[in-house]
Protein backbone atom coordinates (compact mmCIF):
# COMPACT_ATOMS: atom_id res chain seq x y z
CA MET A 1 70.47 126.62 72.47
CA ALA A 2 71.70 129.74 70.71
CA ALA A 3 70.63 133.05 72.22
CA ALA A 4 69.68 134.36 68.76
CA VAL A 5 67.16 131.53 68.33
CA LEU A 6 65.69 132.18 71.77
CA LYS A 7 65.29 135.90 71.02
CA THR A 8 63.60 135.05 67.72
CA ARG A 9 61.08 132.88 69.60
CA ILE A 10 60.29 135.66 72.05
CA LEU A 11 59.85 138.16 69.20
CA ALA A 12 57.46 135.74 67.47
CA GLY A 13 55.41 135.52 70.67
CA LEU A 14 55.32 139.29 70.93
CA ALA A 15 54.17 139.53 67.32
CA ASP A 16 51.35 137.07 68.06
CA LEU A 17 50.16 139.37 70.86
CA LEU A 18 50.77 142.75 69.26
CA GLN A 19 49.72 142.32 65.63
CA PRO A 20 46.00 141.82 66.48
CA LEU A 21 46.27 145.04 68.54
CA GLY A 22 47.32 146.97 65.42
CA PHE A 23 51.09 146.85 65.82
CA ARG A 24 53.34 146.24 62.84
CA ARG A 25 56.72 144.57 63.29
CA ARG A 26 59.91 146.16 61.92
CA GLY A 27 62.80 144.00 63.07
CA GLN A 28 62.85 144.26 66.86
CA ILE A 29 60.41 147.19 66.98
CA PHE A 30 56.63 147.11 66.88
CA ASP A 31 54.76 150.29 65.96
CA ARG A 32 51.14 151.39 65.80
CA PRO A 33 49.74 154.72 64.61
CA SER A 34 47.36 156.43 67.04
CA SER A 35 45.89 159.74 65.91
CA ASP A 36 48.90 162.05 65.43
CA VAL A 37 51.41 159.92 67.38
CA VAL A 38 52.95 156.48 66.96
CA HIS A 39 53.13 153.93 69.78
CA LEU A 40 56.38 151.96 69.84
CA ILE A 41 57.47 148.78 71.60
CA GLY A 42 61.14 147.90 71.28
CA PHE A 43 62.76 144.58 72.15
CA GLN A 44 66.27 145.11 73.51
CA SER A 45 69.08 142.63 74.09
CA SER A 46 71.82 143.26 76.61
CA GLN A 47 75.45 143.26 75.54
CA THR A 48 76.16 141.17 78.63
CA GLY A 49 74.42 138.17 77.06
CA THR A 50 76.41 135.31 75.60
CA ALA A 51 76.02 132.97 72.66
CA GLN A 52 73.85 130.71 74.86
CA LEU A 53 72.29 133.26 77.25
CA ALA A 54 70.06 136.11 76.15
CA ARG A 55 69.27 139.02 78.47
CA VAL A 56 66.27 140.98 77.19
CA THR A 57 63.97 143.82 78.15
CA LEU A 58 61.21 145.88 76.54
CA ASN A 59 61.11 149.64 75.97
CA LEU A 60 57.96 151.56 75.15
CA GLY A 61 57.79 154.86 73.36
CA ILE A 62 55.56 157.47 71.83
CA TRP A 63 56.85 159.23 68.75
CA VAL A 64 55.34 162.47 67.48
CA PRO A 65 55.98 162.92 63.75
CA ALA A 66 55.26 166.67 63.99
CA LEU A 67 58.26 167.02 66.33
CA SER A 68 60.65 165.05 64.19
CA ASP A 69 62.83 166.32 61.39
CA ARG A 70 62.69 162.98 59.61
CA GLU A 71 60.02 160.54 58.43
CA ALA A 72 61.46 157.34 59.81
CA ARG A 73 61.34 156.34 63.44
CA SER A 74 64.35 154.14 63.93
CA SER A 75 64.06 153.24 67.60
CA VAL A 76 62.25 153.84 70.84
CA TRP A 77 65.15 156.09 71.82
CA ASP A 78 64.07 158.53 69.10
CA ALA A 79 60.65 158.76 70.75
CA HIS A 80 59.32 161.82 72.56
CA TRP A 81 58.21 159.70 75.53
CA HIS A 82 59.87 156.43 76.47
CA GLU A 83 59.95 154.10 79.42
CA ARG A 84 61.08 150.57 80.17
CA LEU A 85 58.25 148.11 80.71
CA GLY A 86 59.52 147.22 84.19
CA HIS A 87 59.12 150.83 85.35
CA LEU A 88 55.43 150.70 84.44
CA THR A 89 54.72 147.61 86.56
CA ASP A 90 53.92 147.47 90.27
CA HIS A 91 57.65 147.00 90.97
CA GLN A 92 58.58 150.22 89.11
CA ALA A 93 62.09 148.97 88.45
CA ASP A 94 64.22 148.05 85.49
CA GLN A 95 63.61 144.44 84.52
CA TRP A 96 65.76 142.16 82.41
CA TRP A 97 64.89 138.54 81.65
CA GLU A 98 67.56 135.86 81.23
CA VAL A 99 66.76 133.21 78.68
CA SER A 100 68.89 130.11 78.12
CA ASN A 101 66.56 127.38 76.84
CA ASP A 102 63.14 126.73 75.30
CA ALA A 103 61.40 126.57 78.67
CA SER A 104 62.79 129.91 79.85
CA ALA A 105 61.99 131.48 76.45
CA ALA A 106 58.36 130.32 76.73
CA ALA A 107 58.08 131.53 80.34
CA THR A 108 59.69 134.87 79.48
CA THR A 109 57.40 135.36 76.49
CA HIS A 110 54.37 134.66 78.68
CA GLU A 111 55.55 137.04 81.42
CA ILE A 112 56.43 139.85 79.01
CA CYS A 113 53.10 139.51 77.19
CA SER A 114 51.22 139.53 80.50
CA GLN A 115 53.05 142.67 81.64
CA LEU A 116 52.41 144.33 78.29
CA LEU A 117 48.69 143.65 78.56
CA LEU A 118 48.47 144.75 82.22
CA PHE A 119 50.80 147.75 82.16
CA GLY A 120 52.44 148.53 78.82
CA ILE A 121 49.53 148.75 76.43
CA PRO A 122 47.37 150.69 78.94
CA ALA A 123 50.23 153.18 79.47
CA LEU A 124 50.43 153.77 75.72
CA GLU A 125 46.66 154.02 75.40
CA LYS A 126 46.59 156.77 78.05
CA ILE A 127 48.48 158.87 75.50
CA PRO A 128 46.52 158.37 72.27
CA ASP A 129 47.54 161.71 70.73
CA SER A 130 49.78 164.74 71.06
CA THR A 131 47.22 166.60 73.19
CA ALA A 132 47.41 163.86 75.82
CA LEU A 133 51.20 163.91 75.63
CA LEU A 134 51.16 167.69 76.18
CA ALA A 135 49.05 167.10 79.30
CA VAL A 136 51.66 164.64 80.59
CA TRP A 137 54.39 167.18 79.96
CA ASP A 138 52.34 170.02 81.50
CA ALA A 139 52.05 167.86 84.65
CA GLY A 140 55.85 167.93 84.86
CA MET A 141 56.40 164.35 83.75
CA SER A 142 58.80 163.54 80.98
CA PRO A 143 59.67 159.83 80.87
CA GLY A 144 62.84 159.40 78.86
CA LEU A 145 63.44 163.13 78.41
CA THR A 146 65.30 165.82 80.24
CA LYS A 147 63.33 168.79 81.55
CA LEU A 148 64.91 170.95 78.84
CA GLN A 149 63.86 168.53 76.09
CA ARG A 150 60.34 168.40 77.50
CA GLU A 151 60.07 172.20 77.54
CA ARG A 152 61.38 172.49 73.97
CA TYR A 153 58.94 169.85 72.74
CA LYS A 154 56.04 171.59 74.51
CA VAL A 155 56.80 174.85 72.75
CA ALA A 156 57.21 173.16 69.37
CA LEU A 157 54.11 171.01 69.74
CA ARG A 158 51.95 173.91 70.83
CA GLY A 159 52.90 175.54 67.54
CA THR A 160 51.49 172.57 65.61
CA VAL A 161 48.44 171.55 67.68
């Protein structure tokens, strides 16, 4: 079965989980406003996949419109906090799923949705607004950012909060 079809099936399963939780789908990204931030979940395919084998992972992000010089949020990588789903689980490691048929697509969808419910969504909900994100940064944590980026964002955000 074509990898593109398998990825489409996984995305449909993610939409079934995320839309009732307030997420809106834009291509391979799901977003949800929360106070003055936006929670993002991005579906990513590996370039090492083939026409019949999809390698996929999920990235989570928190985007702060007040820190952005543009309206649109194009990807999780534009976010002011981002982390791969696998790093939020008990294993705390990068995780890629390989999908080559309907059965593996169904199993992968189930596993990803379970991990999102157990680890991903709660991680996003711990940062419902920019004040909570500032607290994360003040604690010296900056998932997806360099220390310099974190410090610049803290200064800029403190000017808007």
